[in-house]
């Protein structure tokens, strides 16, 4: 990445860039509305959440105690599985060993707390220094949110082992029913417990296409990733850690273009039109997810009920002998078979850190958009012909061809799970 001329010399210069200062101010208000009081020095901004995670992990590895002494032993990062592929990619790019920990039965995004402790023990026995846990309290891979009591156990275990918790909260505003799904940040829990130093909050702004939706020429340019933001603790150690992250970003020349910074600031201010678009997108994906879940479970597949985001995570491992009769013996072959029969909406669990031998697959709610659905003038969410607003828009199940698509999903899964290969 090319260094920007207005960001040379270190983190202090990066903090002083006017366009980024406006983004940090807007990010403070964004987090304040979510119960996390934040000041501008606590915020970092980068062109993309992956790059920001890279900087956070680099800072954590370089100064596990906040003092900048560096790692004396090989570092390792712990991740739940399944998880977004870019979480592991950033750790591996830094040369860190990645250890994945299974998620509990009730949700994805966070590791089982007892399995986490075991993974830390094994990492240390291997001569490594486990220094960070990356988790997602709102997990788009499985469409679930971590229950507060479970998240509390995970945070307690991580803090007891001296791990920095990096909380990816990119999808926290995608709950299908805000009254049903409570998304709590580890930053809230650990601040109340006096352990705020142990958590960094991370969020990408492009999850629901809000940055790009602010108007022609107002968002990231071609090839420019949607911005990411991070929040550090308002403590001396938090300030030291934040300074290290800003230094890493400055060394990478990780700045935003003027249009991208302006769009990010507007997005974080959450004007009414953006909130309206977000609510409509959440409604559509929520209804699609519930309809897809009904079709999947009617075929006998195991799948957690979706509560947020745009995906379901389907477990077909109980049908392994029957799937083997169709030549499907691992996640790679399962993905290939479902893509062949349903289109490009299936991704095998091996892509998200699960064992390739396990028969798991992520299905996108956009699978229903394979039906010929009407769209708005901007090519966005579907609308009924002549519709005047959200109240006139049809449910996803009412889109042309959607019922047939759901029936096809169920039929394909039934064929596979009863051994009737086609």
Protein backbone atom coordinates (compact mmCIF):
# COMPACT_ATOMS: atom_id res chain seq x y z
CA UNK A 1 0.00 0.00 0.00
CA UNK A 2 1.31 3.45 -0.87
CA UNK A 3 2.01 5.82 1.99
CA UNK A 4 -0.18 8.94 1.97
CA UNK A 5 1.88 12.12 2.12
CA UNK A 6 -0.32 13.60 4.84
CA UNK A 7 0.29 10.66 7.19
CA UNK A 8 4.04 10.22 7.40
CA UNK A 9 6.07 10.13 10.57
CA UNK A 10 3.89 8.18 13.00
CA UNK A 11 0.61 7.97 14.83
CA UNK A 12 0.46 11.62 15.95
CA UNK A 13 0.38 12.86 12.37
CA UNK A 14 -2.34 10.33 11.52
CA UNK A 15 -4.46 11.59 14.40
CA UNK A 16 -4.15 15.14 13.10
CA UNK A 17 -5.51 14.50 9.58
CA UNK A 18 -8.70 16.69 9.46
CA UNK A 19 -10.84 14.26 7.45
CA UNK A 20 -10.07 11.42 9.85
CA UNK A 21 -10.74 13.69 12.84
CA UNK A 22 -14.31 14.13 11.59
CA UNK A 23 -14.71 10.35 11.30
CA UNK A 24 -13.41 9.87 14.85
CA UNK A 25 -15.84 12.48 16.21
CA UNK A 26 -18.73 10.73 14.45
CA UNK A 27 -17.53 7.35 15.74
CA UNK A 28 -17.59 8.70 19.30
CA UNK A 29 -21.26 9.63 18.92
CA UNK A 30 -21.98 6.26 17.26
CA UNK A 31 -20.57 4.34 20.22
CA UNK A 32 -22.12 6.69 22.77
CA UNK A 33 -25.55 5.82 21.36
CA UNK A 34 -24.69 2.18 22.02
CA UNK A 35 -23.76 2.70 25.66
CA UNK A 36 -20.00 3.09 25.17
CA UNK A 37 -18.84 6.64 26.01
CA UNK A 38 -15.85 7.34 23.79
CA UNK A 39 -13.41 10.22 23.17
CA UNK A 40 -11.60 10.91 19.87
CA UNK A 41 -8.19 9.69 21.13
CA UNK A 42 -9.79 6.28 21.75
CA UNK A 43 -10.69 5.83 18.07
CA UNK A 44 -8.68 4.52 15.13
CA UNK A 45 -9.85 4.60 11.51
CA UNK A 46 -8.55 2.60 8.57
CA UNK A 47 -9.55 1.69 5.01
CA UNK A 48 -11.15 -1.62 5.90
CA UNK A 49 -11.77 -3.63 9.05
CA UNK A 50 -9.23 -6.32 7.98
CA UNK A 51 -6.39 -3.80 7.84
CA UNK A 52 -7.45 -2.39 11.19
CA UNK A 53 -7.46 -5.89 12.72
CA UNK A 54 -3.97 -6.41 11.32
CA UNK A 55 -2.78 -3.23 13.07
CA UNK A 56 -4.48 -4.22 16.35
CA UNK A 57 -2.94 -7.70 16.33
CA UNK A 58 0.46 -6.28 15.42
CA UNK A 59 0.25 -3.84 18.35
CA UNK A 60 -0.94 -6.57 20.72
CA UNK A 61 1.84 -8.92 19.69
CA UNK A 62 4.47 -6.21 19.96
CA UNK A 63 3.44 -5.15 23.45
CA UNK A 64 1.51 -7.82 25.36
CA UNK A 65 1.78 -5.83 28.54
CA UNK A 66 1.35 -2.42 26.90
CA UNK A 67 5.02 -1.62 27.47
CA UNK A 68 6.37 -2.30 24.01
CA UNK A 69 8.81 -5.02 25.07
CA UNK A 70 7.74 -7.39 22.30
CA UNK A 71 7.11 -11.10 22.29
CA UNK A 72 9.87 -13.29 23.64
CA UNK A 73 8.15 -16.46 22.39
CA UNK A 74 6.10 -17.21 19.24
CA UNK A 75 2.72 -15.50 19.41
CA UNK A 76 -0.63 -17.14 18.81
CA UNK A 77 -4.16 -15.89 18.20
CA UNK A 78 -7.32 -17.72 19.17
CA UNK A 79 -10.48 -17.70 17.05
CA UNK A 80 -13.84 -19.43 17.34
CA UNK A 81 -14.80 -21.70 14.50
CA UNK A 82 -16.61 -21.01 12.30
CA UNK A 83 -15.50 -17.40 11.88
CA UNK A 84 -14.98 -14.86 9.06
CA UNK A 85 -12.00 -15.91 6.92
CA UNK A 86 -10.35 -12.50 7.20
CA UNK A 87 -9.89 -12.89 10.96
CA UNK A 88 -7.44 -15.75 10.51
CA UNK A 89 -5.87 -14.18 7.42
CA UNK A 90 -4.65 -11.11 9.32
CA UNK A 91 -3.10 -13.16 12.11
CA UNK A 92 -1.33 -15.44 9.63
CA UNK A 93 -0.07 -12.46 7.65
CA UNK A 94 1.74 -11.39 10.82
CA UNK A 95 3.23 -14.86 11.20
CA UNK A 96 1.07 -15.74 14.21
CA UNK A 97 -0.07 -19.27 14.86
CA UNK A 98 -3.87 -19.50 14.72
CA UNK A 99 -5.76 -21.84 17.03
CA UNK A 100 -9.48 -22.29 16.40
CA UNK A 101 -11.87 -23.18 19.19
CA UNK A 102 -15.33 -24.71 18.67
CA UNK A 103 -18.38 -22.56 19.34
CA UNK A 104 -21.06 -23.67 21.81
CA UNK A 105 -24.31 -25.27 20.70
CA UNK A 106 -26.46 -22.19 21.31
CA UNK A 107 -24.64 -19.67 19.10
CA UNK A 108 -21.68 -18.88 16.92
CA UNK A 109 -19.16 -16.05 17.07
CA UNK A 110 -17.63 -16.90 20.47
CA UNK A 111 -15.69 -19.94 21.66
CA UNK A 112 -16.94 -22.40 24.20
CA UNK A 113 -15.32 -21.04 27.40
CA UNK A 114 -14.00 -24.41 28.60
CA UNK A 115 -12.61 -25.25 25.17
CA UNK A 116 -10.97 -21.80 25.14
CA UNK A 117 -9.11 -22.54 28.38
CA UNK A 118 -7.95 -25.87 26.97
CA UNK A 119 -6.74 -24.22 23.76
CA UNK A 120 -4.74 -21.65 25.75
CA UNK A 121 -3.18 -24.43 27.84
CA UNK A 122 -2.14 -26.38 24.75
CA UNK A 123 -0.73 -23.27 23.10
CA UNK A 124 1.46 -22.56 26.11
CA UNK A 125 2.57 -26.19 26.30
CA UNK A 126 3.72 -25.79 22.69
CA UNK A 127 5.96 -22.91 23.77
CA UNK A 128 3.73 -20.18 22.33
CA UNK A 129 2.45 -16.93 23.82
CA UNK A 130 -1.33 -16.76 23.26
CA UNK A 131 -2.06 -13.05 23.35
CA UNK A 132 -5.39 -12.34 21.59
CA UNK A 133 -8.89 -13.70 21.13
CA UNK A 134 -10.94 -12.39 18.20
CA UNK A 135 -14.69 -12.93 18.50
CA UNK A 136 -17.98 -11.68 17.02
CA UNK A 137 -20.80 -10.94 19.44
CA UNK A 138 -23.10 -10.61 16.42
CA UNK A 139 -22.06 -13.47 14.14
CA UNK A 140 -23.09 -13.24 10.50
CA UNK A 141 -21.70 -16.71 9.72
CA UNK A 142 -24.32 -18.45 11.87
CA UNK A 143 -26.86 -15.61 12.10
CA UNK A 144 -26.72 -15.63 15.90
CA UNK A 145 -25.77 -13.42 18.85
CA UNK A 146 -23.96 -14.59 21.96
CA UNK A 147 -26.26 -14.66 25.03
CA UNK A 148 -24.95 -12.18 27.64
CA UNK A 149 -24.39 -14.84 30.29
CA UNK A 150 -22.31 -16.96 27.89
CA UNK A 151 -20.36 -13.94 26.70
CA UNK A 152 -19.61 -13.10 30.33
CA UNK A 153 -18.09 -16.57 30.85
CA UNK A 154 -15.96 -16.20 27.71
CA UNK A 155 -14.73 -12.75 28.80
CA UNK A 156 -13.89 -14.03 32.28
CA UNK A 157 -11.89 -16.92 30.83
CA UNK A 158 -10.04 -14.65 28.38
CA UNK A 159 -9.17 -12.06 31.03
CA UNK A 160 -8.01 -14.75 33.46
CA UNK A 161 -5.58 -15.97 30.79
CA UNK A 162 -4.32 -12.47 29.98
CA UNK A 163 -5.78 -12.37 26.46
CA UNK A 164 -6.66 -9.19 24.60
CA UNK A 165 -10.27 -9.53 23.37
CA UNK A 166 -10.88 -8.07 19.93
CA UNK A 167 -14.65 -7.77 19.58
CA UNK A 168 -15.77 -7.58 15.95
CA UNK A 169 -19.13 -5.81 16.14
CA UNK A 170 -19.60 -5.20 12.44
CA UNK A 171 -23.02 -6.89 12.38
CA UNK A 172 -24.44 -5.69 15.71
CA UNK A 173 -27.04 -3.48 13.99
CA UNK A 174 -28.42 -6.31 11.85
CA UNK A 175 -30.71 -7.96 14.45
CA UNK A 176 -33.90 -9.13 12.76
CA UNK A 177 -35.89 -8.33 15.92
CA UNK A 178 -34.12 -5.94 18.32
CA UNK A 179 -36.58 -6.89 21.06
CA UNK A 180 -35.67 -10.56 20.68
CA UNK A 181 -31.89 -10.35 20.30
CA UNK A 182 -29.79 -8.42 22.81
CA UNK A 183 -26.27 -7.70 21.56
CA UNK A 184 -23.90 -6.81 24.40
CA UNK A 185 -20.34 -5.66 23.83
CA UNK A 186 -17.48 -7.11 25.88
CA UNK A 187 -16.41 -3.49 26.32
CA UNK A 188 -19.56 -2.88 28.39
CA UNK A 189 -18.98 -5.94 30.55
CA UNK A 190 -15.28 -5.39 31.13
CA UNK A 191 -15.59 -1.66 31.78
CA UNK A 192 -18.14 -2.37 34.51
CA UNK A 193 -15.76 -4.98 35.93
CA UNK A 194 -12.80 -2.58 35.88
CA UNK A 195 -11.00 -4.59 33.15
CA UNK A 196 -11.53 -2.30 30.17
CA UNK A 197 -7.86 -2.66 29.19
CA UNK A 198 -8.56 -6.16 27.93
CA UNK A 199 -10.87 -5.29 25.03
CA UNK A 200 -10.73 -3.50 21.69
CA UNK A 201 -13.97 -3.00 19.73
CA UNK A 202 -13.78 -3.30 15.96
CA UNK A 203 -16.42 -2.58 13.29
CA UNK A 204 -16.54 -2.46 9.53
CA UNK A 205 -18.90 0.10 7.99
CA UNK A 206 -19.72 -1.75 4.78
CA UNK A 207 -21.67 -4.71 6.18
CA UNK A 208 -25.08 -3.42 5.12
CA UNK A 209 -23.81 -1.39 2.14
CA UNK A 210 -24.55 1.84 3.99
CA UNK A 211 -21.33 3.64 3.06
CA UNK A 212 -21.78 3.02 -0.65
CA UNK A 213 -25.46 3.96 -0.43
CA UNK A 214 -24.89 7.59 0.52
CA UNK A 215 -24.98 8.72 -3.09
CA UNK A 216 -22.91 8.69 -6.30
CA UNK A 217 -19.31 9.73 -5.71
CA UNK A 218 -19.82 10.01 -1.95
CA UNK A 219 -18.36 6.70 -0.83
CA UNK A 220 -15.11 4.74 -1.18
CA UNK A 221 -13.56 4.92 -4.63
CA UNK A 222 -12.88 1.98 -6.94
CA UNK A 223 -10.73 -0.60 -5.17
CA UNK A 224 -11.08 1.20 -1.83
CA UNK A 225 -12.41 -0.91 1.03
CA UNK A 226 -15.28 0.36 3.22
CA UNK A 227 -13.74 1.99 6.31
CA UNK A 228 -13.23 0.26 9.63
CA UNK A 229 -13.19 1.80 13.09
CA UNK A 230 -11.72 0.61 16.41
CA UNK A 231 -12.26 1.72 20.00
CA UNK A 232 -9.66 1.47 22.77
CA UNK A 233 -10.06 1.76 26.52
CA UNK A 234 -10.02 5.22 28.16
CA UNK A 235 -7.12 4.24 30.42
CA UNK A 236 -3.38 4.84 30.38
CA UNK A 237 -2.78 1.36 29.00
CA UNK A 238 -5.56 1.89 26.46
CA UNK A 239 -3.98 5.15 25.31
CA UNK A 240 -0.60 3.47 24.98
CA UNK A 241 -2.09 0.64 22.98
CA UNK A 242 -4.04 3.05 20.77
CA UNK A 243 -0.85 4.98 20.05
CA UNK A 244 0.82 1.76 18.91
CA UNK A 245 -2.10 0.98 16.59
CA UNK A 246 -1.97 4.48 15.11
CA UNK A 247 1.77 4.08 14.60
CA UNK A 248 1.26 0.80 12.71
CA UNK A 249 -1.42 2.39 10.53
CA UNK A 250 0.80 5.37 9.80
CA UNK A 251 3.67 3.08 8.81
CA UNK A 252 1.29 1.31 6.43
CA UNK A 253 0.08 4.61 4.99
CA UNK A 254 -3.43 3.51 5.89
CA UNK A 255 -5.46 6.62 5.14
CA UNK A 256 -8.88 7.27 3.64
CA UNK A 257 -9.64 9.30 0.56
CA UNK A 258 -11.61 12.49 1.13
CA UNK A 259 -14.87 11.04 -0.27
CA UNK A 260 -14.49 7.84 1.76
CA UNK A 261 -13.86 9.80 4.97
CA UNK A 262 -16.85 12.08 4.35
CA UNK A 263 -19.11 9.11 3.64
CA UNK A 264 -17.86 7.29 6.74
CA UNK A 265 -18.57 10.32 8.95
CA UNK A 266 -22.08 10.62 7.50
CA UNK A 267 -22.69 6.90 7.98
CA UNK A 268 -21.61 7.06 11.62
CA UNK A 269 -23.90 10.03 12.27
CA UNK A 270 -26.78 7.76 11.16
CA UNK A 271 -29.12 10.21 9.41
CA UNK A 272 -32.81 9.21 9.20
CA UNK A 273 -32.60 8.07 5.57
CA UNK A 274 -29.74 5.69 6.42
CA UNK A 275 -31.62 4.27 9.40
CA UNK A 276 -34.65 3.75 7.18
CA UNK A 277 -32.61 1.86 4.59
CA UNK A 278 -30.97 -0.22 7.29
CA UNK A 279 -34.30 -1.13 8.86
CA UNK A 280 -35.71 -2.17 5.49
CA UNK A 281 -32.64 -4.26 4.66
CA UNK A 282 -32.82 -5.96 8.07
CA UNK A 283 -36.54 -6.68 7.55
CA UNK A 284 -35.96 -8.25 4.15
CA UNK A 285 -33.01 -10.37 5.23
CA UNK A 286 -34.79 -11.39 8.44
CA UNK A 287 -37.86 -12.63 6.60
CA UNK A 288 -35.69 -14.37 4.03
CA UNK A 289 -33.64 -16.03 6.77
CA UNK A 290 -36.71 -17.32 8.60
CA UNK A 291 -38.22 -18.70 5.39
CA UNK A 292 -34.94 -20.38 4.45
CA UNK A 293 -34.59 -21.80 7.95
CA UNK A 294 -38.04 -23.37 7.73
CA UNK A 295 -37.14 -24.99 4.41
CA UNK A 296 -33.82 -26.28 5.71
CA UNK A 297 -35.15 -27.75 8.94
CA UNK A 298 -38.16 -29.25 7.19
CA UNK A 299 -35.65 -31.33 5.24
CA UNK A 300 -34.19 -32.57 8.53
CA UNK A 301 -31.02 -30.48 8.60
CA UNK A 302 -29.65 -29.09 11.85
CA UNK A 303 -29.54 -25.28 11.87
CA UNK A 304 -29.59 -22.64 14.59
CA UNK A 305 -32.56 -20.25 14.27
CA UNK A 306 -31.37 -17.03 12.60
CA UNK A 307 -31.55 -13.80 14.60
CA UNK A 308 -29.35 -11.41 12.64
CA UNK A 309 -27.29 -10.92 9.52
CA UNK A 310 -27.66 -12.51 6.11
CA UNK A 311 -26.69 -16.16 6.50
CA UNK A 312 -27.60 -19.51 8.01
CA UNK A 313 -25.12 -22.21 9.04
CA UNK A 314 -26.40 -25.68 8.23
CA UNK A 315 -25.04 -28.90 9.73
CA UNK A 316 -25.57 -32.05 7.65
CA UNK A 317 -23.06 -34.20 9.52
CA UNK A 318 -25.82 -36.38 11.09
CA UNK A 319 -26.55 -37.57 7.53
CA UNK A 320 -22.96 -38.49 6.71
CA UNK A 321 -23.63 -42.10 5.59
CA UNK A 322 -26.41 -41.01 3.25
CA UNK A 323 -24.39 -38.12 1.85
CA UNK A 324 -21.46 -40.47 1.28
CA UNK A 325 -23.73 -42.50 -0.99
CA UNK A 326 -23.92 -39.36 -3.17
CA UNK A 327 -20.15 -38.92 -3.12
CA UNK A 328 -20.33 -36.09 -0.59
CA UNK A 329 -17.77 -36.85 2.11
CA UNK A 330 -16.46 -33.44 3.15
CA UNK A 331 -17.31 -29.73 3.16
CA UNK A 332 -15.57 -29.12 -0.18
CA UNK A 333 -17.74 -31.68 -1.96
CA UNK A 334 -20.85 -30.51 -0.10
CA UNK A 335 -20.27 -26.96 -1.28
CA UNK A 336 -19.69 -28.13 -4.85
CA UNK A 337 -22.90 -30.17 -4.86
CA UNK A 338 -25.04 -27.38 -3.43
CA UNK A 339 -23.55 -24.78 -5.77
CA UNK A 340 -24.30 -27.10 -8.69
CA UNK A 341 -27.92 -27.48 -7.63
CA UNK A 342 -28.76 -24.17 -5.95
CA UNK A 343 -26.31 -21.62 -7.33
CA UNK A 344 -23.47 -19.61 -5.75
CA UNK A 345 -25.16 -19.10 -2.38
CA UNK A 346 -23.49 -22.00 -0.55
CA UNK A 347 -20.05 -21.90 1.08
CA UNK A 348 -18.54 -24.94 2.80
CA UNK A 349 -17.58 -24.75 6.46
CA UNK A 350 -13.93 -25.29 5.56
CA UNK A 351 -13.87 -21.68 4.39
CA UNK A 352 -14.70 -20.48 7.92
CA UNK A 353 -12.22 -22.49 9.95
CA UNK A 354 -14.29 -25.62 10.50
CA UNK A 355 -12.75 -29.04 9.95
CA UNK A 356 -13.03 -29.77 6.20
CA UNK A 357 -14.25 -33.25 7.09
CA UNK A 358 -17.35 -31.86 8.80
CA UNK A 359 -20.43 -31.55 6.59
CA UNK A 360 -21.37 -27.96 7.28
CA UNK A 361 -22.32 -25.18 4.90
CA UNK A 362 -23.26 -21.52 5.06
CA UNK A 363 -26.30 -20.49 3.03
CA UNK A 364 -26.94 -16.85 2.07
CA UNK A 365 -30.38 -15.31 2.43
CA UNK A 366 -29.72 -13.81 -1.01
CA UNK A 367 -30.49 -17.29 -2.34
CA UNK A 368 -34.09 -16.10 -2.57
CA UNK A 369 -33.01 -13.28 -4.84
CA UNK A 370 -32.39 -15.94 -7.46
CA UNK A 371 -36.10 -15.53 -8.06
CA UNK A 372 -37.04 -12.67 -10.39
CA UNK A 373 -37.77 -10.00 -7.80
CA UNK A 374 -38.53 -6.35 -8.57
CA UNK A 375 -36.06 -3.74 -7.37
CA UNK A 376 -36.10 -0.05 -6.60
CA UNK A 377 -34.72 2.60 -8.92
CA UNK A 378 -31.29 2.32 -7.33
CA UNK A 379 -31.22 -1.46 -7.77
CA UNK A 380 -31.57 -1.85 -4.01
CA UNK A 381 -34.19 -3.61 -1.93
CA UNK A 382 -37.21 -5.10 -3.71
CA UNK A 383 -40.37 -3.06 -4.08
CA UNK A 384 -43.79 -3.81 -5.44
CA UNK A 385 -44.73 -2.23 -8.73
CA UNK A 386 -46.04 1.24 -7.99
CA UNK A 387 -45.12 0.95 -4.30
CA UNK A 388 -45.02 4.22 -2.39
CA UNK A 389 -42.98 3.03 0.60
CA UNK A 390 -41.97 0.12 2.85
CA UNK A 391 -45.58 -0.72 3.76
CA UNK A 392 -46.31 -1.48 0.11
CA UNK A 393 -43.31 -3.75 -0.39
CA UNK A 394 -43.96 -7.48 -0.60
CA UNK A 395 -42.55 -10.08 1.75
CA UNK A 396 -39.60 -12.00 0.27
CA UNK A 397 -41.77 -15.14 0.07
CA UNK A 398 -44.08 -13.21 -2.27
CA UNK A 399 -41.36 -12.35 -4.79
CA UNK A 400 -41.87 -14.05 -8.15
CA UNK A 401 -40.25 -17.47 -8.00
CA UNK A 402 -39.37 -17.31 -4.28
CA UNK A 403 -41.77 -20.09 -3.28
CA UNK A 404 -40.31 -22.32 -5.98
CA UNK A 405 -36.78 -21.52 -4.74
CA UNK A 406 -37.67 -22.49 -1.17
CA UNK A 407 -39.25 -25.71 -2.40
CA UNK A 408 -36.12 -26.44 -4.41
CA UNK A 409 -33.89 -25.91 -1.36
CA UNK A 410 -35.97 -28.36 0.64
CA UNK A 411 -36.08 -30.87 -2.21
CA UNK A 412 -32.32 -30.77 -2.77
CA UNK A 413 -31.58 -31.30 0.92
CA UNK A 414 -34.09 -34.14 1.15
CA UNK A 415 -32.49 -35.79 -1.88
CA UNK A 416 -29.07 -35.57 -0.29
CA UNK A 417 -30.04 -36.63 3.20
CA UNK A 418 -32.05 -39.67 2.13
CA UNK A 419 -29.34 -40.78 -0.30
CA UNK A 420 -31.38 -40.08 -3.46
CA UNK A 421 -28.65 -38.62 -5.64
CA UNK A 422 -29.65 -36.68 -8.76
